C-alpha atoms as a PDB file:
ATOM      1  CA  UNK A   1       6.450 -14.559 -24.556  1.00  0.00           C
ATOM      2  CA  UNK A   2       4.833 -11.403 -25.962  1.00  0.00           C
ATOM      3  CA  UNK A   3       5.101  -7.979 -24.365  1.00  0.00           C
ATOM      4  CA  UNK A   4       1.557  -8.132 -22.928  1.00  0.00           C
ATOM      5  CA  UNK A   5       2.311 -11.331 -20.999  1.00  0.00           C
ATOM      6  CA  UNK A   6       5.628  -9.918 -19.778  1.00  0.00           C
ATOM      7  CA  UNK A   7       3.894  -6.779 -18.512  1.00  0.00           C
ATOM      8  CA  UNK A   8       1.193  -8.867 -16.803  1.00  0.00           C
ATOM      9  CA  UNK A   9       3.832 -10.976 -15.034  1.00  0.00           C
ATOM     10  CA  UNK A  10       5.628  -7.815 -13.888  1.00  0.00           C
ATOM     11  CA  UNK A  11       2.387  -6.429 -12.443  1.00  0.00           C
ATOM     12  CA  UNK A  12       1.708  -9.713 -10.646  1.00  0.00           C
ATOM     13  CA  UNK A  13       5.197  -9.894  -9.161  1.00  0.00           C
ATOM     14  CA  UNK A  14       5.009  -6.259  -8.040  1.00  0.00           C
ATOM     15  CA  UNK A  15       1.658  -6.845  -6.296  1.00  0.00           C
ATOM     16  CA  UNK A  16       3.135  -9.783  -4.371  1.00  0.00           C
ATOM     17  CA  UNK A  17       6.325  -7.847  -3.589  1.00  0.00           C
ATOM     18  CA  UNK A  18       4.281  -4.902  -2.281  1.00  0.00           C
ATOM     19  CA  UNK A  19       2.202  -7.146  -0.003  1.00  0.00           C
ATOM     20  CA  UNK A  20       5.205  -9.036   1.376  1.00  0.00           C
ATOM     21  CA  UNK A  21       7.322  -5.947   2.054  1.00  0.00           C
ATOM     22  CA  UNK A  22       4.369  -4.153   3.673  1.00  0.00           C
ATOM     23  CA  UNK A  23       3.874  -6.971   6.198  1.00  0.00           C
ATOM     24  CA  UNK A  24       7.603  -7.385   6.880  1.00  0.00           C
ATOM     25  CA  UNK A  25       8.145  -3.638   7.251  1.00  0.00           C
ATOM     26  CA  UNK A  26       5.317  -3.221   9.746  1.00  0.00           C
ATOM     27  CA  UNK A  27       6.559  -6.128  11.859  1.00  0.00           C
ATOM     28  CA  UNK A  28      10.135  -4.824  11.866  1.00  0.00           C
ATOM     29  CA  UNK A  29       8.865  -1.477  13.211  1.00  0.00           C
ATOM     30  CA  UNK A  30       7.531  -3.114  16.383  1.00  0.00           C
ATOM     31  CA  UNK A  31      10.395  -2.066  18.732  1.00  0.00           C
ATOM     32  CA  UNK A  32       9.961   1.628  17.927  1.00  0.00           C
ATOM     33  CA  UNK A  33       6.185   1.857  17.449  1.00  0.00           C
ATOM     34  CA  UNK A  34       4.899  -0.321  20.285  1.00  0.00           C
ATOM     35  CA  UNK A  35       5.403  -0.386  24.026  1.00  0.00           C
ATOM     36  CA  UNK A  36       6.061   2.374  26.545  1.00  0.00           C
ATOM     37  CA  UNK A  37       9.856   1.989  26.255  1.00  0.00           C
ATOM     38  CA  UNK A  38       9.988   2.617  22.498  1.00  0.00           C
ATOM     39  CA  UNK A  39      12.617   5.366  22.932  1.00  0.00           C
ATOM     40  CA  UNK A  40      14.988   2.806  24.421  1.00  0.00           C
ATOM     41  CA  UNK A  41      14.020  -0.166  22.257  1.00  0.00           C
ATOM     42  CA  UNK A  42      14.242   1.871  19.060  1.00  0.00           C
ATOM     43  CA  UNK A  43      17.939   2.636  19.362  1.00  0.00           C
ATOM     44  CA  UNK A  44      18.667  -0.909  20.565  1.00  0.00           C
ATOM     45  CA  UNK A  45      17.084  -2.309  17.396  1.00  0.00           C
ATOM     46  CA  UNK A  46      18.112   0.441  14.992  1.00  0.00           C
ATOM     47  CA  UNK A  47      19.216  -1.921  12.220  1.00  0.00           C
ATOM     48  CA  UNK A  48      15.893  -3.736  12.422  1.00  0.00           C
ATOM     49  CA  UNK A  49      13.984  -0.450  12.164  1.00  0.00           C
ATOM     50  CA  UNK A  50      16.086   0.706   9.203  1.00  0.00           C
ATOM     51  CA  UNK A  51      15.468  -2.615   7.476  1.00  0.00           C
ATOM     52  CA  UNK A  52      11.753  -2.067   8.038  1.00  0.00           C
ATOM     53  CA  UNK A  53      12.054   1.351   6.407  1.00  0.00           C
ATOM     54  CA  UNK A  54      13.833  -0.221   3.420  1.00  0.00           C
ATOM     55  CA  UNK A  55      10.994  -2.741   3.115  1.00  0.00           C
ATOM     56  CA  UNK A  56       8.470   0.079   2.984  1.00  0.00           C
ATOM     57  CA  UNK A  57      10.519   1.913   0.377  1.00  0.00           C
ATOM     58  CA  UNK A  58      10.406  -1.254  -1.735  1.00  0.00           C
ATOM     59  CA  UNK A  59       6.635  -1.190  -1.166  1.00  0.00           C
ATOM     60  CA  UNK A  60       6.559   2.388  -2.504  1.00  0.00           C
ATOM     61  CA  UNK A  61       8.503   1.424  -5.627  1.00  0.00           C
ATOM     62  CA  UNK A  62       6.280  -1.627  -6.154  1.00  0.00           C
ATOM     63  CA  UNK A  63       3.081   0.415  -5.805  1.00  0.00           C
ATOM     64  CA  UNK A  64       4.253   2.957  -8.361  1.00  0.00           C
ATOM     65  CA  UNK A  65       5.422   0.101 -10.588  1.00  0.00           C
ATOM     66  CA  UNK A  66       2.010  -1.587 -10.632  1.00  0.00           C
ATOM     67  CA  UNK A  67       0.285   1.666 -11.578  1.00  0.00           C
ATOM     68  CA  UNK A  68       2.666   2.648 -14.376  1.00  0.00           C
ATOM     69  CA  UNK A  69       2.841  -0.880 -15.815  1.00  0.00           C
ATOM     70  CA  UNK A  70      -0.957  -1.268 -15.827  1.00  0.00           C
ATOM     71  CA  UNK A  71      -1.552   2.199 -17.291  1.00  0.00           C
ATOM     72  CA  UNK A  72      -1.108   1.236 -20.989  1.00  0.00           C
ATOM     73  CA  UNK A  73      -3.729  -1.499 -20.548  1.00  0.00           C
ATOM     74  CA  UNK A  74      -6.203   0.467 -18.434  1.00  0.00           C
ATOM     75  CA  UNK A  75      -6.086   3.484 -20.765  1.00  0.00           C
ATOM     76  CA  UNK A  76      -7.379   1.376 -23.661  1.00  0.00           C
ATOM     77  CA  UNK A  77     -10.748   1.312 -21.929  1.00  0.00           C
ATOM     78  CA  UNK A  78     -10.788   4.712 -20.204  1.00  0.00           C
ATOM     79  CA  UNK A  79      -7.750   6.977 -20.297  1.00  0.00           C
ATOM     80  CA  UNK A  80      -9.130   9.412 -17.715  1.00  0.00           C
ATOM     81  CA  UNK A  81      -9.707   6.780 -15.034  1.00  0.00           C
ATOM     82  CA  UNK A  82      -6.364   5.156 -15.880  1.00  0.00           C
ATOM     83  CA  UNK A  83      -4.623   8.497 -15.373  1.00  0.00           C
ATOM     84  CA  UNK A  84      -6.485   9.071 -12.116  1.00  0.00           C
ATOM     85  CA  UNK A  85      -5.320   5.653 -10.971  1.00  0.00           C
ATOM     86  CA  UNK A  86      -1.678   6.537 -11.615  1.00  0.00           C
ATOM     87  CA  UNK A  87      -2.011   9.897  -9.841  1.00  0.00           C
ATOM     88  CA  UNK A  88      -3.741   8.470  -6.770  1.00  0.00           C
ATOM     89  CA  UNK A  89      -1.269   5.580  -6.613  1.00  0.00           C
ATOM     90  CA  UNK A  90       1.564   8.111  -6.640  1.00  0.00           C
ATOM     91  CA  UNK A  91      -0.223   9.999  -3.856  1.00  0.00           C
ATOM     92  CA  UNK A  92      -0.503   6.761  -1.866  1.00  0.00           C
ATOM     93  CA  UNK A  93       3.234   6.206  -2.358  1.00  0.00           C
ATOM     94  CA  UNK A  94       4.010   9.740  -1.184  1.00  0.00           C
ATOM     95  CA  UNK A  95       1.900   9.281   1.957  1.00  0.00           C
ATOM     96  CA  UNK A  96       3.666   6.004   2.754  1.00  0.00           C
ATOM     97  CA  UNK A  97       7.027   7.713   2.234  1.00  0.00           C
ATOM     98  CA  UNK A  98       6.064  10.405   4.740  1.00  0.00           C
ATOM     99  CA  UNK A  99       5.331   7.590   7.192  1.00  0.00           C
ATOM    100  CA  UNK A 100       8.778   6.113   6.554  1.00  0.00           C
ATOM    101  CA  UNK A 101      10.381   9.506   7.218  1.00  0.00           C
ATOM    102  CA  UNK A 102       8.459   9.816  10.494  1.00  0.00           C
ATOM    103  CA  UNK A 103       9.738   6.405  11.668  1.00  0.00           C
ATOM    104  CA  UNK A 104      13.336   7.237  10.741  1.00  0.00           C
ATOM    105  CA  UNK A 105      12.971  10.585  12.532  1.00  0.00           C
ATOM    106  CA  UNK A 106      11.663   8.699  15.558  1.00  0.00           C
ATOM    107  CA  UNK A 107      14.735   6.480  15.360  1.00  0.00           C
ATOM    108  CA  UNK A 108      16.963   9.580  15.442  1.00  0.00           C
ATOM    109  CA  UNK A 109      15.025  10.801  18.476  1.00  0.00           C
ATOM    110  CA  UNK A 110      15.521   7.405  20.131  1.00  0.00           C
ATOM    111  CA  UNK A 111      19.268   7.555  19.534  1.00  0.00           C
ATOM    112  CA  UNK A 112      19.433  11.067  20.964  1.00  0.00           C
ATOM    113  CA  UNK A 113      17.483   9.880  23.998  1.00  0.00           C
ATOM    114  CA  UNK A 114      19.895   6.997  24.538  1.00  0.00           C
ATOM    115  CA  UNK A 115      22.936   9.256  24.140  1.00  0.00           C
ATOM    116  CA  UNK A 116      21.689  11.893  26.576  1.00  0.00           C
ATOM    117  CA  UNK A 117      22.967  11.426  30.100  1.00  0.00           C
ATOM    118  CA  UNK A 118      19.961  12.813  31.939  1.00  0.00           C
ATOM    119  CA  UNK A 119      17.354  13.518  29.235  1.00  0.00           C
ATOM    120  CA  UNK A 120      14.243  15.598  29.650  1.00  0.00           C
ATOM    121  CA  UNK A 121      11.924  12.598  29.372  1.00  0.00           C
ATOM    122  CA  UNK A 122       8.762  14.677  28.953  1.00  0.00           C
ATOM    123  CA  UNK A 123      10.044  16.604  25.937  1.00  0.00           C
ATOM    124  CA  UNK A 124      11.386  13.456  24.269  1.00  0.00           C
ATOM    125  CA  UNK A 125       8.072  11.696  24.762  1.00  0.00           C
ATOM    126  CA  UNK A 126       6.176  14.710  23.422  1.00  0.00           C
ATOM    127  CA  UNK A 127       8.245  14.651  20.224  1.00  0.00           C
ATOM    128  CA  UNK A 128       7.898  10.888  20.021  1.00  0.00           C
ATOM    129  CA  UNK A 129       4.124  11.091  20.338  1.00  0.00           C
ATOM    130  CA  UNK A 130       3.939  13.503  17.398  1.00  0.00           C
ATOM    131  CA  UNK A 131       6.145  11.333  15.177  1.00  0.00           C
ATOM    132  CA  UNK A 132       4.192   8.192  16.043  1.00  0.00           C
ATOM    133  CA  UNK A 133       0.953  10.025  15.298  1.00  0.00           C
ATOM    134  CA  UNK A 134       2.276  11.034  11.855  1.00  0.00           C
ATOM    135  CA  UNK A 135       3.066   7.390  11.107  1.00  0.00           C
ATOM    136  CA  UNK A 136      -0.372   6.259  12.320  1.00  0.00           C
ATOM    137  CA  UNK A 137      -2.169   8.780  10.111  1.00  0.00           C
ATOM    138  CA  UNK A 138      -0.082   7.944   7.060  1.00  0.00           C
ATOM    139  CA  UNK A 139      -0.684   4.234   7.697  1.00  0.00           C
ATOM    140  CA  UNK A 140      -4.413   4.961   7.666  1.00  0.00           C
ATOM    141  CA  UNK A 141      -4.515   7.354   4.712  1.00  0.00           C
ATOM    142  CA  UNK A 142      -2.104   5.457   2.442  1.00  0.00           C
ATOM    143  CA  UNK A 143      -2.674   1.684   2.677  1.00  0.00           C
ATOM    144  CA  UNK A 144      -6.369   2.115   3.600  1.00  0.00           C
ATOM    145  CA  UNK A 145      -7.978   5.316   2.296  1.00  0.00           C
ATOM    146  CA  UNK A 146      -6.007   5.741  -0.944  1.00  0.00           C
ATOM    147  CA  UNK A 147      -5.774   1.997  -1.490  1.00  0.00           C
ATOM    148  CA  UNK A 148      -9.567   1.805  -1.543  1.00  0.00           C
ATOM    149  CA  UNK A 149      -9.769   4.507  -4.226  1.00  0.00           C
ATOM    150  CA  UNK A 150      -7.000   2.979  -6.352  1.00  0.00           C
ATOM    151  CA  UNK A 151      -8.370  -0.554  -6.171  1.00  0.00           C
ATOM    152  CA  UNK A 152     -11.853   0.621  -7.128  1.00  0.00           C
ATOM    153  CA  UNK A 153     -10.479   2.365 -10.230  1.00  0.00           C
ATOM    154  CA  UNK A 154      -8.513  -0.495 -11.729  1.00  0.00           C
ATOM    155  CA  UNK A 155     -11.095  -3.099 -10.659  1.00  0.00           C
ATOM    156  CA  UNK A 156     -13.850  -1.146 -12.400  1.00  0.00           C
ATOM    157  CA  UNK A 157     -11.878  -1.068 -15.660  1.00  0.00           C
ATOM    158  CA  UNK A 158     -10.984  -4.753 -15.342  1.00  0.00           C
ATOM    159  CA  UNK A 159     -14.673  -5.556 -14.813  1.00  0.00           C
ATOM    160  CA  UNK A 160     -15.887  -3.528 -17.777  1.00  0.00           C
ATOM    161  CA  UNK A 161     -13.081  -4.530 -20.155  1.00  0.00           C
ATOM    162  CA  UNK A 162     -12.936  -8.241 -19.176  1.00  0.00           C
ATOM    163  CA  UNK A 163      -9.128  -8.107 -19.151  1.00  0.00           C
ATOM    164  CA  UNK A 164      -9.298 -10.636 -16.294  1.00  0.00           C
ATOM    165  CA  UNK A 165     -12.178 -12.912 -15.174  1.00  0.00           C
ATOM    166  CA  UNK A 166     -14.935 -10.755 -13.739  1.00  0.00           C
ATOM    167  CA  UNK A 167     -14.975 -12.560 -10.396  1.00  0.00           C
ATOM    168  CA  UNK A 168     -11.583 -10.968  -9.617  1.00  0.00           C
ATOM    169  CA  UNK A 169     -12.607  -7.305 -10.124  1.00  0.00           C
ATOM    170  CA  UNK A 170     -15.890  -8.000  -8.297  1.00  0.00           C
ATOM    171  CA  UNK A 171     -13.806  -9.067  -5.294  1.00  0.00           C
ATOM    172  CA  UNK A 172     -11.614  -6.018  -5.916  1.00  0.00           C
ATOM    173  CA  UNK A 173     -14.501  -3.548  -5.882  1.00  0.00           C
ATOM    174  CA  UNK A 174     -15.941  -5.217  -2.781  1.00  0.00           C
ATOM    175  CA  UNK A 175     -12.576  -5.098  -1.036  1.00  0.00           C
ATOM    176  CA  UNK A 176     -12.020  -1.488  -2.101  1.00  0.00           C
ATOM    177  CA  UNK A 177     -15.347  -0.461  -0.574  1.00  0.00           C
ATOM    178  CA  UNK A 178     -14.665  -2.297   2.682  1.00  0.00           C
ATOM    179  CA  UNK A 179     -11.111  -0.987   3.157  1.00  0.00           C
ATOM    180  CA  UNK A 180     -12.348   2.543   2.392  1.00  0.00           C
ATOM    181  CA  UNK A 181     -15.064   2.125   5.027  1.00  0.00           C
ATOM    182  CA  UNK A 182     -12.412   0.838   7.444  1.00  0.00           C
ATOM    183  CA  UNK A 183     -10.351   3.982   6.848  1.00  0.00           C
ATOM    184  CA  UNK A 184     -13.350   6.209   7.556  1.00  0.00           C
ATOM    185  CA  UNK A 185     -14.238   4.288  10.736  1.00  0.00           C
ATOM    186  CA  UNK A 186     -10.632   4.578  11.910  1.00  0.00           C
ATOM    187  CA  UNK A 187     -10.541   8.312  11.142  1.00  0.00           C
ATOM    188  CA  UNK A 188     -13.598   8.912  13.318  1.00  0.00           C
ATOM    189  CA  UNK A 189     -12.348   6.607  16.084  1.00  0.00           C
ATOM    190  CA  UNK A 190     -15.089   4.001  15.708  1.00  0.00           C
ATOM    191  CA  UNK A 191     -12.525   1.193  15.376  1.00  0.00           C
ATOM    192  CA  UNK A 192      -8.806   0.994  16.058  1.00  0.00           C
ATOM    193  CA  UNK A 193      -6.282   0.872  13.225  1.00  0.00           C
ATOM    194  CA  UNK A 194      -4.899  -2.463  14.333  1.00  0.00           C
ATOM    195  CA  UNK A 195      -7.990  -4.393  15.432  1.00  0.00           C
ATOM    196  CA  UNK A 196     -10.078  -7.428  14.545  1.00  0.00           C
ATOM    197  CA  UNK A 197     -12.536  -5.283  12.583  1.00  0.00           C
ATOM    198  CA  UNK A 198      -9.712  -3.501  10.796  1.00  0.00           C
ATOM    199  CA  UNK A 199      -8.196  -6.818   9.713  1.00  0.00           C
ATOM    200  CA  UNK A 200     -11.550  -8.289   8.638  1.00  0.00           C
ATOM    201  CA  UNK A 201     -12.410  -5.240   6.529  1.00  0.00           C
ATOM    202  CA  UNK A 202      -8.973  -5.343   4.900  1.00  0.00           C
ATOM    203  CA  UNK A 203      -8.904  -9.055   4.063  1.00  0.00           C
ATOM    204  CA  UNK A 204     -10.984  -8.903   0.835  1.00  0.00           C
ATOM    205  CA  UNK A 205      -8.751  -6.269  -0.791  1.00  0.00           C
ATOM    206  CA  UNK A 206      -5.643  -8.223   0.219  1.00  0.00           C
ATOM    207  CA  UNK A 207      -7.161 -11.419  -1.202  1.00  0.00           C
ATOM    208  CA  UNK A 208      -8.016  -9.591  -4.413  1.00  0.00           C
ATOM    209  CA  UNK A 209      -4.446  -8.400  -4.891  1.00  0.00           C
ATOM    210  CA  UNK A 210      -2.985 -11.866  -4.355  1.00  0.00           C
ATOM    211  CA  UNK A 211      -5.535 -13.621  -6.589  1.00  0.00           C
ATOM    212  CA  UNK A 212      -5.059 -10.983  -9.292  1.00  0.00           C
ATOM    213  CA  UNK A 213      -1.276 -11.271  -8.975  1.00  0.00           C
ATOM    214  CA  UNK A 214      -1.290 -15.058  -9.394  1.00  0.00           C
ATOM    215  CA  UNK A 215      -3.716 -14.839 -12.329  1.00  0.00           C
ATOM    216  CA  UNK A 216      -1.574 -12.272 -14.134  1.00  0.00           C
ATOM    217  CA  UNK A 217       1.601 -14.286 -13.569  1.00  0.00           C
ATOM    218  CA  UNK A 218       0.042 -17.555 -14.765  1.00  0.00           C
ATOM    219  CA  UNK A 219      -2.496 -16.420 -17.389  1.00  0.00           C
ATOM    220  CA  UNK A 220      -1.837 -12.765 -18.150  1.00  0.00           C
ATOM    221  CA  UNK A 221      -4.405 -10.367 -19.574  1.00  0.00           C
ATOM    222  CA  UNK A 222      -7.218 -11.639 -21.779  1.00  0.00           C
ATOM    223  CA  UNK A 223      -5.747 -11.292 -25.278  1.00  0.00           C
ATOM    224  CA  UNK A 224      -9.135 -11.227 -27.017  1.00  0.00           C
ATOM    225  CA  UNK A 225     -10.319  -8.460 -24.685  1.00  0.00           C
ATOM    226  CA  UNK A 226      -7.098  -6.530 -25.394  1.00  0.00           C
ATOM    227  CA  UNK A 227      -7.644  -6.952 -29.127  1.00  0.00           C
ATOM    228  CA  UNK A 228     -11.223  -5.724 -28.813  1.00  0.00           C
ATOM    229  CA  UNK A 229     -10.114  -2.669 -26.856  1.00  0.00           C
ATOM    230  CA  UNK A 230      -7.410  -1.918 -29.427  1.00  0.00           C
ATOM    231  CA  UNK A 231      -9.921  -2.198 -32.280  1.00  0.00           C
ATOM    232  CA  UNK A 232     -12.394   0.035 -30.443  1.00  0.00           C
ATOM    233  CA  UNK A 233      -9.650   2.610 -29.772  1.00  0.00           C
ATOM    234  CA  UNK A 234      -8.642   2.743 -33.444  1.00  0.00           C
ATOM    235  CA  UNK A 235     -12.193   3.310 -34.681  1.00  0.00           C
END
């Protein structure tokens, strides 16, 4: 197996790992992010919440891994866009990390609430509302807003360079546009973050990542397209 195929398989595995850990992490957060008694439920399910945070940290590592592993291939077509992709993917990872910190801070608040004999419920809830709001905004700006920008960048290069079959980057650019629109609609309160419309607008970009991941694992990058890009770069 040559280095190009190895790199392609790594990218594919990282895409799948990122998707799986993102879903698991969000579900494990349920006790502390949903329901009116989240301050009680959070501390009761602290290990579950921490595991969810670990899942999201794996997501962060996977996201950075996809960007840095794809960079040598994307830069053969357009180094500027490839560099932008890495930078914006790092920014997405940072935003997600801030969301993780807000959830862990909320867990600390929940533990303090449980330990207090007669807590000032209003002040605890005020702090909890702020921390939950930070997570909600990071969830919108990272996996939606920044994801749309990142996906558009690498999909555009894949489409132009023919490193993968063009039907995949076409789905990617379509999904990137829709998830970006979803982020804007959520920002202005037109739709809810977790809603039918939010899910529908996010499905194409999720499908693109999984289809691309499987293709890269099974087939890898188009070797003739890579050779053509290398020849063009050396001229």
